[in-house]
Amino acid sequence: MANLVHLNKDNFEKEVKQSTEPVIIDFWAEWCGPCRMMGPVFEELSGEYEGKLKFAKLNTEEEPELAGGFSIMGIPSLLIVKDGVEVDRIVGFAPKDTLKQKIDGVLSKLS
């Protein structure tokens, strides 16, 4: 869980738009069952991508404006953002191996 950031309107600009590395954002909410299943997988993977990909979580109930800015329609939604622009999106729960494969594919295209 080395590089997991909790996003809000105060740190979003710095942590996402000004980030020197790509950011994967987990859009979630407390009441969402699949989000609670994704949480531990997301946190576990965050330690495996240190220096390559920043992991961030954004609670859609607490920050609806930020979620709306990315047209989040269903959660969990994982967005990979580079230079403040979405480059890929994963909607719904994904097991660790599937998620890792998807992330690796996106990162290989970005480098």
C-alpha atoms as a PDB file:
ATOM      1  CA  MET A   1       0.000   0.000   0.000  1.00  0.00           C
ATOM      2  CA  ALA A   2       3.008   2.203  -0.564  1.00  0.00           C
ATOM      3  CA  ASN A   3       1.664   4.767  -3.018  1.00  0.00           C
ATOM      4  CA  LEU A   4      -2.087   4.950  -2.326  1.00  0.00           C
ATOM      5  CA  VAL A   5      -3.512   8.484  -2.259  1.00  0.00           C
ATOM      6  CA  HIS A   6      -7.018   9.489  -1.160  1.00  0.00           C
ATOM      7  CA  LEU A   7      -8.235  12.189  -3.529  1.00  0.00           C
ATOM      8  CA  ASN A   8     -10.377  15.210  -2.761  1.00  0.00           C
ATOM      9  CA  LYS A   9     -10.943  18.605  -4.343  1.00  0.00           C
ATOM     10  CA  ASP A  10      -7.989  20.037  -2.402  1.00  0.00           C
ATOM     11  CA  ASN A  11      -5.334  17.606  -3.670  1.00  0.00           C
ATOM     12  CA  PHE A  12      -6.764  16.480  -7.049  1.00  0.00           C
ATOM     13  CA  GLU A  13      -4.862  19.039  -9.139  1.00  0.00           C
ATOM     14  CA  LYS A  14      -1.509  18.173  -7.543  1.00  0.00           C
ATOM     15  CA  GLU A  15      -1.962  14.395  -7.295  1.00  0.00           C
ATOM     16  CA  VAL A  16      -3.564  13.755 -10.702  1.00  0.00           C
ATOM     17  CA  LYS A  17      -3.176  16.632 -13.151  1.00  0.00           C
ATOM     18  CA  GLN A  18       0.381  17.532 -12.111  1.00  0.00           C
ATOM     19  CA  SER A  19       1.570  13.952 -11.527  1.00  0.00           C
ATOM     20  CA  THR A  20       4.751  12.998 -13.358  1.00  0.00           C
ATOM     21  CA  GLU A  21       3.603   9.371 -13.546  1.00  0.00           C
ATOM     22  CA  PRO A  22       0.278   7.939 -14.762  1.00  0.00           C
ATOM     23  CA  VAL A  23      -2.435   7.667 -12.092  1.00  0.00           C
ATOM     24  CA  ILE A  24      -5.061   4.943 -11.683  1.00  0.00           C
ATOM     25  CA  ILE A  25      -8.097   6.264  -9.834  1.00  0.00           C
ATOM     26  CA  ASP A  26     -10.552   3.945  -8.077  1.00  0.00           C
ATOM     27  CA  PHE A  27     -13.953   5.682  -8.076  1.00  0.00           C
ATOM     28  CA  TRP A  28     -15.928   4.012  -5.263  1.00  0.00           C
ATOM     29  CA  ALA A  29     -18.535   4.454  -2.512  1.00  0.00           C
ATOM     30  CA  GLU A  30     -19.053   2.863   0.925  1.00  0.00           C
ATOM     31  CA  TRP A  31     -22.446   1.353   0.009  1.00  0.00           C
ATOM     32  CA  CYS A  32     -21.118  -0.375  -3.143  1.00  0.00           C
ATOM     33  CA  GLY A  33     -20.509  -4.131  -2.652  1.00  0.00           C
ATOM     34  CA  PRO A  34     -18.269  -4.609  -5.723  1.00  0.00           C
ATOM     35  CA  CYS A  35     -16.292  -1.521  -4.621  1.00  0.00           C
ATOM     36  CA  ARG A  36     -15.604  -3.157  -1.252  1.00  0.00           C
ATOM     37  CA  MET A  37     -14.419  -6.288  -3.100  1.00  0.00           C
ATOM     38  CA  MET A  38     -12.144  -4.194  -5.354  1.00  0.00           C
ATOM     39  CA  GLY A  39     -10.590  -2.236  -2.463  1.00  0.00           C
ATOM     40  CA  PRO A  40      -8.196  -4.936  -1.158  1.00  0.00           C
ATOM     41  CA  VAL A  41      -7.164  -5.929  -4.722  1.00  0.00           C
ATOM     42  CA  PHE A  42      -6.474  -2.289  -5.601  1.00  0.00           C
ATOM     43  CA  GLU A  43      -4.479  -1.719  -2.399  1.00  0.00           C
ATOM     44  CA  GLU A  44      -2.462  -4.903  -2.915  1.00  0.00           C
ATOM     45  CA  LEU A  45      -1.547  -3.904  -6.470  1.00  0.00           C
ATOM     46  CA  SER A  46      -0.555  -0.375  -5.400  1.00  0.00           C
ATOM     47  CA  GLY A  47       2.640  -1.716  -3.842  1.00  0.00           C
ATOM     48  CA  GLU A  48       3.600  -3.589  -7.008  1.00  0.00           C
ATOM     49  CA  TYR A  49       3.723  -0.522  -9.262  1.00  0.00           C
ATOM     50  CA  GLU A  50       5.789   1.857  -7.116  1.00  0.00           C
ATOM     51  CA  GLY A  51       7.473   4.413  -9.376  1.00  0.00           C
ATOM     52  CA  LYS A  52       5.472   3.335 -12.447  1.00  0.00           C
ATOM     53  CA  LEU A  53       1.855   4.102 -11.565  1.00  0.00           C
ATOM     54  CA  LYS A  54       0.279   6.136  -8.778  1.00  0.00           C
ATOM     55  CA  PHE A  55      -2.778   4.548  -7.147  1.00  0.00           C
ATOM     56  CA  ALA A  56      -5.548   6.855  -5.923  1.00  0.00           C
ATOM     57  CA  LYS A  57      -9.033   6.411  -4.489  1.00  0.00           C
ATOM     58  CA  LEU A  58     -11.904   8.857  -4.888  1.00  0.00           C
ATOM     59  CA  ASN A  59     -15.117   8.460  -2.897  1.00  0.00           C
ATOM     60  CA  THR A  60     -17.906   9.452  -5.303  1.00  0.00           C
ATOM     61  CA  GLU A  61     -20.258  10.312  -2.405  1.00  0.00           C
ATOM     62  CA  GLU A  62     -17.777  12.783  -0.924  1.00  0.00           C
ATOM     63  CA  GLU A  63     -16.564  14.260  -4.246  1.00  0.00           C
ATOM     64  CA  PRO A  64     -19.447  14.042  -6.765  1.00  0.00           C
ATOM     65  CA  GLU A  65     -18.127  16.978  -8.814  1.00  0.00           C
ATOM     66  CA  LEU A  66     -14.787  15.255  -9.441  1.00  0.00           C
ATOM     67  CA  ALA A  67     -16.535  11.993 -10.364  1.00  0.00           C
ATOM     68  CA  GLY A  68     -18.900  13.898 -12.652  1.00  0.00           C
ATOM     69  CA  GLY A  69     -15.944  15.493 -14.408  1.00  0.00           C
ATOM     70  CA  PHE A  70     -14.977  12.024 -15.645  1.00  0.00           C
ATOM     71  CA  SER A  71     -18.579  11.003 -16.497  1.00  0.00           C
ATOM     72  CA  ILE A  72     -18.587   8.178 -13.929  1.00  0.00           C
ATOM     73  CA  MET A  73     -21.865   6.303 -14.468  1.00  0.00           C
ATOM     74  CA  GLY A  74     -21.167   3.085 -12.546  1.00  0.00           C
ATOM     75  CA  ILE A  75     -18.841   2.080  -9.751  1.00  0.00           C
ATOM     76  CA  PRO A  76     -16.360   0.724  -9.190  1.00  0.00           C
ATOM     77  CA  SER A  77     -14.700   2.467 -12.111  1.00  0.00           C
ATOM     78  CA  LEU A  78     -10.937   2.518 -12.461  1.00  0.00           C
ATOM     79  CA  LEU A  79      -9.544   5.254 -14.691  1.00  0.00           C
ATOM     80  CA  ILE A  80      -5.959   5.458 -15.832  1.00  0.00           C
ATOM     81  CA  VAL A  81      -5.006   9.103 -16.299  1.00  0.00           C
ATOM     82  CA  LYS A  82      -1.829  10.557 -17.801  1.00  0.00           C
ATOM     83  CA  ASP A  83      -1.172  14.303 -17.821  1.00  0.00           C
ATOM     84  CA  GLY A  84      -4.720  14.845 -16.503  1.00  0.00           C
ATOM     85  CA  VAL A  85      -6.312  13.002 -19.454  1.00  0.00           C
ATOM     86  CA  GLU A  86      -8.080   9.623 -19.270  1.00  0.00           C
ATOM     87  CA  VAL A  87      -6.257   6.964 -21.304  1.00  0.00           C
ATOM     88  CA  ASP A  88      -8.233   3.886 -20.221  1.00  0.00           C
ATOM     89  CA  ARG A  89     -11.184   2.806 -18.077  1.00  0.00           C
ATOM     90  CA  ILE A  90     -12.114  -0.413 -16.303  1.00  0.00           C
ATOM     91  CA  VAL A  91     -15.709  -0.605 -15.044  1.00  0.00           C
ATOM     92  CA  GLY A  92     -16.845  -3.175 -12.490  1.00  0.00           C
ATOM     93  CA  PHE A  93     -14.969  -5.590 -10.273  1.00  0.00           C
ATOM     94  CA  ALA A  94     -11.942  -7.353 -11.754  1.00  0.00           C
ATOM     95  CA  PRO A  95      -9.848 -10.036 -10.036  1.00  0.00           C
ATOM     96  CA  LYS A  96      -6.191  -9.216  -9.347  1.00  0.00           C
ATOM     97  CA  ASP A  97      -4.726 -11.137 -12.310  1.00  0.00           C
ATOM     98  CA  THR A  98      -7.170  -9.565 -14.779  1.00  0.00           C
ATOM     99  CA  LEU A  99      -6.562  -6.096 -13.394  1.00  0.00           C
ATOM    100  CA  LYS A 100      -2.782  -6.548 -13.446  1.00  0.00           C
ATOM    101  CA  GLN A 101      -2.898  -7.725 -17.072  1.00  0.00           C
ATOM    102  CA  LYS A 102      -5.000  -4.700 -18.084  1.00  0.00           C
ATOM    103  CA  ILE A 103      -2.721  -2.259 -16.220  1.00  0.00           C
ATOM    104  CA  ASP A 104       0.413  -3.795 -17.755  1.00  0.00           C
ATOM    105  CA  GLY A 105      -1.110  -3.478 -21.240  1.00  0.00           C
ATOM    106  CA  VAL A 106      -1.951   0.199 -20.740  1.00  0.00           C
ATOM    107  CA  LEU A 107       1.454   1.000 -19.237  1.00  0.00           C
ATOM    108  CA  SER A 108       3.252  -0.672 -22.151  1.00  0.00           C
ATOM    109  CA  LYS A 109       1.364   1.618 -24.566  1.00  0.00           C
ATOM    110  CA  LEU A 110       2.215   4.719 -22.517  1.00  0.00           C
ATOM    111  CA  SER A 111       5.965   4.125 -22.334  1.00  0.00           C
END
